[in-house]
Protein backbone atom coordinates (compact mmCIF):
# COMPACT_ATOMS: atom_id res chain seq x y z
CA MET A 1 -33.38 14.54 -0.30
CA ALA A 2 -36.79 12.79 -0.40
CA MET A 3 -36.94 9.13 -1.18
CA LEU A 4 -39.08 9.82 -4.33
CA GLU A 5 -39.27 13.09 -6.13
CA VAL A 6 -41.56 13.68 -9.19
CA ARG A 7 -41.02 16.99 -10.93
CA ASP A 8 -43.22 18.56 -13.55
CA LEU A 9 -44.17 15.22 -15.09
CA HIS A 10 -45.96 15.30 -18.45
CA VAL A 11 -47.22 12.24 -20.33
CA ALA A 12 -48.18 12.68 -23.98
CA PHE A 13 -49.84 10.59 -26.63
CA PRO A 14 -49.90 11.34 -30.36
CA ARG A 15 -52.95 12.64 -32.08
CA GLY A 16 -52.47 12.67 -35.84
CA LYS A 17 -49.09 13.28 -37.44
CA ASN A 18 -48.10 16.54 -35.81
CA ASP A 19 -50.05 16.81 -32.70
CA GLU A 20 -50.15 15.39 -29.16
CA VAL A 21 -52.50 15.27 -26.18
CA GLU A 22 -51.34 15.27 -22.62
CA ALA A 23 -52.54 12.67 -20.12
CA LEU A 24 -50.49 14.14 -17.28
CA ARG A 25 -49.86 17.92 -17.20
CA GLY A 26 -47.12 18.89 -14.91
CA VAL A 27 -47.60 16.69 -11.86
CA SER A 28 -45.04 17.00 -9.03
CA LEU A 29 -44.83 15.25 -5.72
CA THR A 30 -42.37 14.19 -2.98
CA LEU A 31 -42.43 11.16 -0.69
CA GLU A 32 -40.31 10.49 2.36
CA LYS A 33 -39.21 7.03 3.54
CA GLY A 34 -42.17 5.36 5.35
CA GLU A 35 -44.65 8.18 4.29
CA ARG A 36 -48.10 7.37 3.01
CA LEU A 37 -49.66 9.41 0.19
CA GLY A 38 -53.19 9.16 -1.12
CA VAL A 39 -53.91 10.08 -4.84
CA VAL A 40 -57.61 10.66 -5.33
CA GLY A 41 -59.71 11.56 -8.29
CA GLU A 42 -62.52 10.32 -10.64
CA SER A 43 -61.87 7.91 -13.46
CA GLY A 44 -59.77 9.70 -16.11
CA ALA A 45 -58.05 11.99 -13.67
CA GLY A 46 -54.64 10.47 -14.48
CA LYS A 47 -54.08 8.55 -11.23
CA SER A 48 -53.05 5.29 -12.78
CA MET A 49 -51.18 7.04 -15.57
CA LEU A 50 -49.01 8.70 -12.79
CA ALA A 51 -48.25 5.24 -11.28
CA PHE A 52 -47.10 3.87 -14.63
CA ALA A 53 -45.00 6.99 -15.35
CA ILE A 54 -43.22 6.65 -12.04
CA LEU A 55 -42.27 3.11 -12.89
CA ASN A 56 -41.36 4.00 -16.40
CA LEU A 57 -44.09 1.80 -17.75
CA ILE A 58 -45.72 4.05 -20.28
CA ALA A 59 -46.11 1.96 -23.40
CA ASP A 60 -45.76 3.21 -26.99
CA PRO A 61 -47.15 5.36 -28.44
CA GLY A 62 -47.29 7.21 -25.17
CA ARG A 63 -44.16 8.82 -23.73
CA VAL A 64 -42.98 10.97 -20.83
CA SER A 65 -42.54 14.21 -22.72
CA LYS A 66 -41.15 16.30 -19.83
CA GLY A 67 -40.13 15.98 -16.23
CA SER A 68 -38.18 13.61 -13.94
CA VAL A 69 -38.82 10.83 -11.48
CA THR A 70 -35.99 10.52 -9.01
CA PHE A 71 -35.81 7.58 -6.51
CA ASN A 72 -33.06 7.81 -4.04
CA GLY A 73 -30.99 10.06 -6.26
CA GLU A 74 -31.51 8.05 -9.49
CA ASN A 75 -33.65 9.43 -12.34
CA LEU A 76 -35.82 6.36 -13.23
CA LEU A 77 -36.71 7.84 -16.68
CA SER A 78 -33.01 7.84 -17.78
CA LEU A 79 -32.21 4.30 -16.80
CA SER A 80 -31.78 1.46 -19.12
CA GLU A 81 -34.41 -1.37 -19.15
CA ARG A 82 -32.06 -3.66 -17.28
CA ALA A 83 -31.30 -1.03 -14.70
CA ILE A 84 -34.91 -0.12 -14.13
CA ARG A 85 -35.79 -3.84 -13.60
CA ASP A 86 -33.41 -3.85 -10.58
CA ILE A 87 -35.80 -1.25 -9.06
CA ARG A 88 -39.17 -1.99 -10.45
CA GLY A 89 -40.66 -4.96 -8.75
CA ASN A 90 -37.62 -5.06 -6.36
CA ARG A 91 -37.22 -1.78 -4.47
CA ILE A 92 -40.58 -0.45 -5.78
CA SER A 93 -43.52 -2.83 -5.88
CA MET A 94 -46.96 -2.38 -7.35
CA ILE A 95 -50.32 -3.75 -6.33
CA PHE A 96 -52.96 -3.74 -9.09
CA GLN A 97 -56.70 -3.48 -8.61
CA ASP A 98 -57.62 -6.77 -10.05
CA PRO A 99 -55.72 -9.84 -8.89
CA MET A 100 -57.13 -12.11 -11.51
CA VAL A 101 -55.40 -9.87 -14.18
CA THR A 102 -52.20 -9.74 -12.02
CA LEU A 103 -51.97 -13.44 -11.40
CA ASN A 104 -51.29 -16.01 -14.20
CA PRO A 105 -54.23 -18.41 -14.19
CA VAL A 106 -52.19 -21.41 -15.36
CA LEU A 107 -49.49 -21.27 -12.82
CA SER A 108 -49.72 -22.17 -9.10
CA ILE A 109 -49.32 -19.34 -6.56
CA GLY A 110 -46.05 -20.89 -5.42
CA THR A 111 -44.60 -20.99 -9.00
CA GLN A 112 -45.49 -17.36 -9.54
CA MET A 113 -44.01 -16.30 -6.19
CA ILE A 114 -40.76 -18.21 -6.60
CA GLU A 115 -40.28 -16.92 -10.10
CA THR A 116 -40.77 -13.40 -8.89
CA LEU A 117 -38.22 -13.87 -6.08
CA GLN A 118 -35.62 -15.56 -8.36
CA ALA A 119 -35.97 -12.82 -10.86
CA HIS A 120 -34.52 -10.31 -8.36
CA ARG A 121 -32.46 -12.52 -6.00
CA LYS A 122 -29.91 -15.29 -6.29
CA ILE A 123 -31.74 -17.82 -4.15
CA SER A 124 -32.32 -21.62 -4.26
CA LYS A 125 -35.82 -22.86 -5.02
CA SER A 126 -36.12 -24.43 -1.56
CA ASP A 127 -35.14 -21.20 0.22
CA ALA A 128 -37.40 -19.20 -2.03
CA ARG A 129 -40.34 -21.38 -1.20
CA LYS A 130 -39.71 -21.01 2.54
CA LEU A 131 -39.60 -17.27 2.17
CA CYS A 132 -42.71 -17.22 0.02
CA ILE A 133 -44.51 -19.18 2.75
CA ASP A 134 -43.37 -16.79 5.26
CA LYS A 135 -44.76 -13.87 3.32
CA LEU A 136 -48.15 -15.67 2.81
CA LYS A 137 -48.35 -16.06 6.58
CA LEU A 138 -47.32 -12.42 7.02
CA VAL A 139 -50.44 -11.35 5.10
CA ALA A 140 -52.69 -13.73 7.25
CA ILE A 141 -53.36 -16.40 4.59
CA PRO A 142 -54.33 -19.65 6.42
CA SER A 143 -52.67 -22.88 5.40
CA ALA A 144 -49.91 -21.06 3.66
CA GLU A 145 -48.07 -24.25 2.68
CA THR A 146 -51.08 -25.71 0.96
CA ARG A 147 -51.92 -22.39 -0.79
CA MET A 148 -48.59 -22.45 -2.47
CA ASP A 149 -49.83 -25.34 -4.72
CA ALA A 150 -53.24 -23.75 -5.36
CA TYR A 151 -54.17 -21.85 -8.57
CA PRO A 152 -55.65 -18.34 -8.60
CA HIS A 153 -59.22 -19.46 -9.41
CA GLU A 154 -59.30 -21.79 -6.39
CA LEU A 155 -58.95 -18.81 -4.03
CA SER A 156 -61.50 -16.22 -3.12
CA GLY A 157 -61.08 -12.63 -4.19
CA GLY A 158 -59.85 -11.57 -0.71
CA LEU A 159 -57.21 -14.28 -0.63
CA ARG A 160 -56.03 -13.55 -4.23
CA GLN A 161 -55.53 -9.95 -3.26
CA ARG A 162 -53.51 -11.05 -0.24
CA VAL A 163 -51.37 -13.21 -2.42
CA VAL A 164 -50.67 -10.12 -4.64
CA ILE A 165 -49.74 -8.17 -1.51
CA ALA A 166 -47.37 -10.99 -0.45
CA ILE A 167 -45.74 -10.91 -3.84
CA ALA A 168 -45.29 -7.15 -3.52
CA LEU A 169 -43.56 -7.76 -0.19
CA LEU A 170 -41.20 -10.54 -1.29
CA THR A 171 -38.25 -8.33 -2.03
CA ASP A 172 -38.82 -6.06 1.01
CA PRO A 173 -39.45 -3.00 -1.15
CA GLU A 174 -39.07 0.56 0.02
CA LEU A 175 -42.13 1.80 -1.75
CA ILE A 176 -45.42 0.22 -2.64
CA ILE A 177 -47.73 1.70 -5.27
CA ALA A 178 -51.31 0.36 -4.70
CA ASP A 179 -53.62 1.16 -7.62
CA GLU A 180 -57.27 0.71 -6.46
CA PRO A 181 -56.25 -2.44 -4.44
CA THR A 182 -59.83 -3.14 -3.20
CA THR A 183 -62.04 -2.32 -6.13
CA ALA A 184 -63.11 -5.91 -6.98
CA LEU A 185 -63.79 -6.85 -3.38
CA ASP A 186 -66.83 -6.52 -1.14
CA VAL A 187 -66.90 -3.91 1.62
CA THR A 188 -65.87 -6.11 4.49
CA ILE A 189 -62.98 -7.63 2.62
CA GLN A 190 -61.98 -4.06 1.47
CA ALA A 191 -61.59 -3.03 5.10
CA GLU A 192 -59.47 -6.01 5.98
CA ILE A 193 -57.11 -5.55 2.98
CA MET A 194 -56.63 -1.84 3.75
CA ALA A 195 -56.02 -2.62 7.40
CA LEU A 196 -53.45 -5.15 6.35
CA ILE A 197 -51.62 -2.70 3.92
CA LEU A 198 -51.52 -0.04 6.68
CA LYS A 199 -50.17 -2.55 9.27
CA LEU A 200 -47.51 -3.79 6.95
CA CYS A 201 -46.38 -0.24 5.93
CA ARG A 202 -46.18 0.77 9.58
CA GLU A 203 -44.34 -2.29 10.86
CA HIS A 204 -41.78 -2.53 7.95
CA ASP A 205 -41.33 1.28 7.44
CA VAL A 206 -42.54 1.04 3.80
CA ALA A 207 -43.64 4.14 1.88
CA LEU A 208 -47.03 3.86 0.19
CA ILE A 209 -48.74 5.60 -2.75
CA LEU A 210 -52.44 4.65 -2.55
CA ILE A 211 -54.37 5.44 -5.69
CA THR A 212 -58.12 5.41 -5.09
CA HIS A 213 -61.37 7.36 -5.85
CA ASP A 214 -62.51 6.81 -2.23
CA LEU A 215 -61.74 9.68 0.12
CA GLY A 216 -63.03 7.60 3.03
CA VAL A 217 -60.35 5.06 2.56
CA VAL A 218 -57.47 7.65 2.28
CA ALA A 219 -58.63 9.30 5.43
CA GLU A 220 -57.92 6.15 7.42
CA VAL A 221 -54.65 5.06 5.68
CA THR A 222 -52.62 8.11 4.42
CA GLU A 223 -50.86 11.09 5.89
CA ARG A 224 -50.81 13.26 2.82
CA LEU A 225 -53.23 13.71 0.06
CA MET A 226 -53.08 14.65 -3.63
CA ILE A 227 -56.27 15.41 -5.56
CA MET A 228 -56.02 14.97 -9.29
CA TYR A 229 -58.32 16.27 -12.05
CA ALA A 230 -57.81 15.98 -15.86
CA GLY A 231 -54.16 15.09 -15.52
CA LYS A 232 -53.16 17.77 -12.96
CA CYS A 233 -52.85 18.12 -9.14
CA VAL A 234 -55.52 20.53 -8.08
CA GLU A 235 -55.03 20.21 -4.26
CA GLU A 236 -52.38 18.68 -2.00
CA GLY A 237 -51.48 18.66 1.73
CA ASN A 238 -51.98 16.95 5.03
CA THR A 239 -54.86 14.41 4.68
CA ARG A 240 -56.73 15.36 7.71
CA THR A 241 -56.44 19.06 7.01
CA ILE A 242 -57.83 18.76 3.48
CA ILE A 243 -60.75 16.48 4.58
CA ASP A 244 -61.65 18.86 7.39
CA GLY A 245 -61.35 21.95 5.24
CA PRO A 246 -60.90 21.53 1.50
CA THR A 247 -60.00 24.65 -0.44
CA HIS A 248 -60.59 23.50 -4.09
CA PRO A 249 -64.26 23.27 -5.20
CA TYR A 250 -63.49 19.77 -6.69
CA THR A 251 -62.28 18.36 -3.51
CA SER A 252 -65.24 19.80 -1.69
CA GLY A 253 -67.65 18.20 -4.19
CA LEU A 254 -65.92 14.81 -3.72
CA LEU A 255 -66.34 15.00 0.00
CA LYS A 256 -70.02 16.11 -0.35
CA ALA A 257 -70.60 12.99 -2.56
CA LEU A 258 -69.61 10.61 0.30
CA PRO A 259 -72.75 8.65 1.47
CA GLN A 260 -72.30 9.77 5.11
CA HIS A 261 -72.98 13.35 4.08
CA ALA A 262 -76.50 12.51 2.77
CA GLY A 263 -79.36 12.60 5.26
CA ARG A 264 -81.68 9.42 5.63
CA GLY A 265 -83.82 9.12 2.60
CA SER A 266 -82.24 12.00 0.69
CA ARG A 267 -80.42 11.83 -2.65
CA LEU A 268 -76.67 11.53 -2.67
CA TYR A 269 -74.82 14.64 -3.89
CA GLN A 270 -73.35 14.45 -7.30
CA ILE A 271 -70.83 16.91 -8.96
CA PRO A 272 -72.56 18.25 -12.07
CA GLY A 273 -71.27 17.10 -15.41
CA SER A 274 -68.32 14.71 -15.87
CA MET A 275 -64.47 14.72 -16.29
CA PRO A 276 -63.55 16.08 -19.73
CA PRO A 277 -61.56 13.90 -22.07
CA ILE A 278 -57.94 14.75 -22.55
CA THR A 279 -58.74 15.37 -26.22
CA GLY A 280 -61.34 18.13 -25.27
CA LEU A 281 -60.13 20.06 -22.33
CA PRO A 282 -61.86 23.37 -21.96
CA PRO A 283 -59.71 26.55 -22.07
CA GLY A 284 -58.53 27.85 -18.72
CA CYS A 285 -59.12 25.77 -15.60
CA ALA A 286 -60.31 22.21 -16.72
CA TYR A 287 -62.81 22.20 -13.87
CA ASN A 288 -64.56 25.41 -14.85
CA PRO A 289 -67.59 23.79 -16.68
CA ARG A 290 -68.55 22.00 -13.41
CA CYS A 291 -67.62 24.76 -10.91
CA GLU A 292 -70.19 26.98 -9.28
CA TYR A 293 -67.52 29.48 -8.42
CA ALA A 294 -66.03 29.88 -11.83
CA THR A 295 -65.41 33.38 -13.12
CA ASP A 296 -64.11 34.87 -16.36
CA ARG A 297 -60.60 34.48 -14.97
CA CYS A 298 -61.10 30.74 -14.65
CA HIS A 299 -62.16 30.52 -18.36
CA ALA A 300 -59.22 32.63 -19.46
CA GLY A 301 -56.21 30.84 -17.84
CA ALA A 302 -55.26 27.88 -15.75
CA PRO A 303 -54.33 28.57 -12.11
CA ASP A 304 -51.02 27.36 -10.65
CA LEU A 305 -50.80 25.36 -7.49
CA VAL A 306 -50.49 27.99 -4.69
CA ASN A 307 -50.81 27.36 -1.03
CA GLY A 308 -51.90 23.74 -1.74
CA ALA A 309 -54.56 24.45 -4.25
CA ALA A 310 -54.76 25.20 -7.96
CA CYS A 311 -57.77 27.49 -7.85
CA PHE A 312 -58.40 31.28 -8.49
CA ASN A 313 -61.23 31.25 -6.03
CA PRO A 314 -60.21 28.90 -3.14
CA LEU A 315 -63.09 28.02 -0.73
CA LYS A 316 -63.31 29.71 2.70
CA THR A 317 -64.60 27.87 5.82
CA ALA A 318 -68.24 29.35 5.46
CA GLU A 319 -68.51 28.18 1.90
CA ILE A 320 -67.33 24.69 2.73
CA ALA A 321 -69.90 24.27 5.44
CA GLN A 322 -72.75 25.00 3.06
């Protein structure tokens, strides 16, 4: 049995009295202990919604309308709030994209870390402080003892994100979900943070779900890849296999849009159009208005995920090279 199994997950929000729209539409995934999965897609694809659904954090009026999320044999969606708290933030930790939103600006770093630790473990304040300092050192924060008494605004963006990672590691989780963990950082710091996350996952055998829009990042960090579009998985498989030879036109478009694929002085490639809102999905395949390979069949019905891609006209090697 896989450590994490998500099966046919649907998340719905009410629209009017007797109608709903779906933000997630039948997403499934599996994750083994220590495995690293990348979840990629444009804004609005449902990546963050998937993370919140896994942790049973969908707030009213939204709801998980169908499916299951099983973590080491337990369905997280059926647990009481007290039971889920023993898992959320303890055995499963989450790293959010903006540390200034994650961290409380009026509490010191040490206070926040100690409170987090004591919420999940019976531990004295002095022992908790020692463990917090050890975790800050683990994520390469200099002068860790001094930083415990600092406030978030006194730290740089890179140090704040390292603190968030240290908090995520406090309880020795089995799984970390990182939602765009480097969005607010400059390129150099982004690389340092991603290298740190990868190092920690490898050394401590921690599984990772990395949510991002950057295929370049997942190529360096993850082993498996899931491409999401309009609330569905449209392609999944080995990261290197997909990057070397994508079979869904959307994945191919994302790869073509990477800066390194543009010649010097030439315009960057852009996928035509934009992601449709969940309230206005086109009939058939949701990608068909933007797809140069779309046929009448693509407008008539939505394809299932077959051989790693949800596409009636999967790309061949010659087409990918163009």
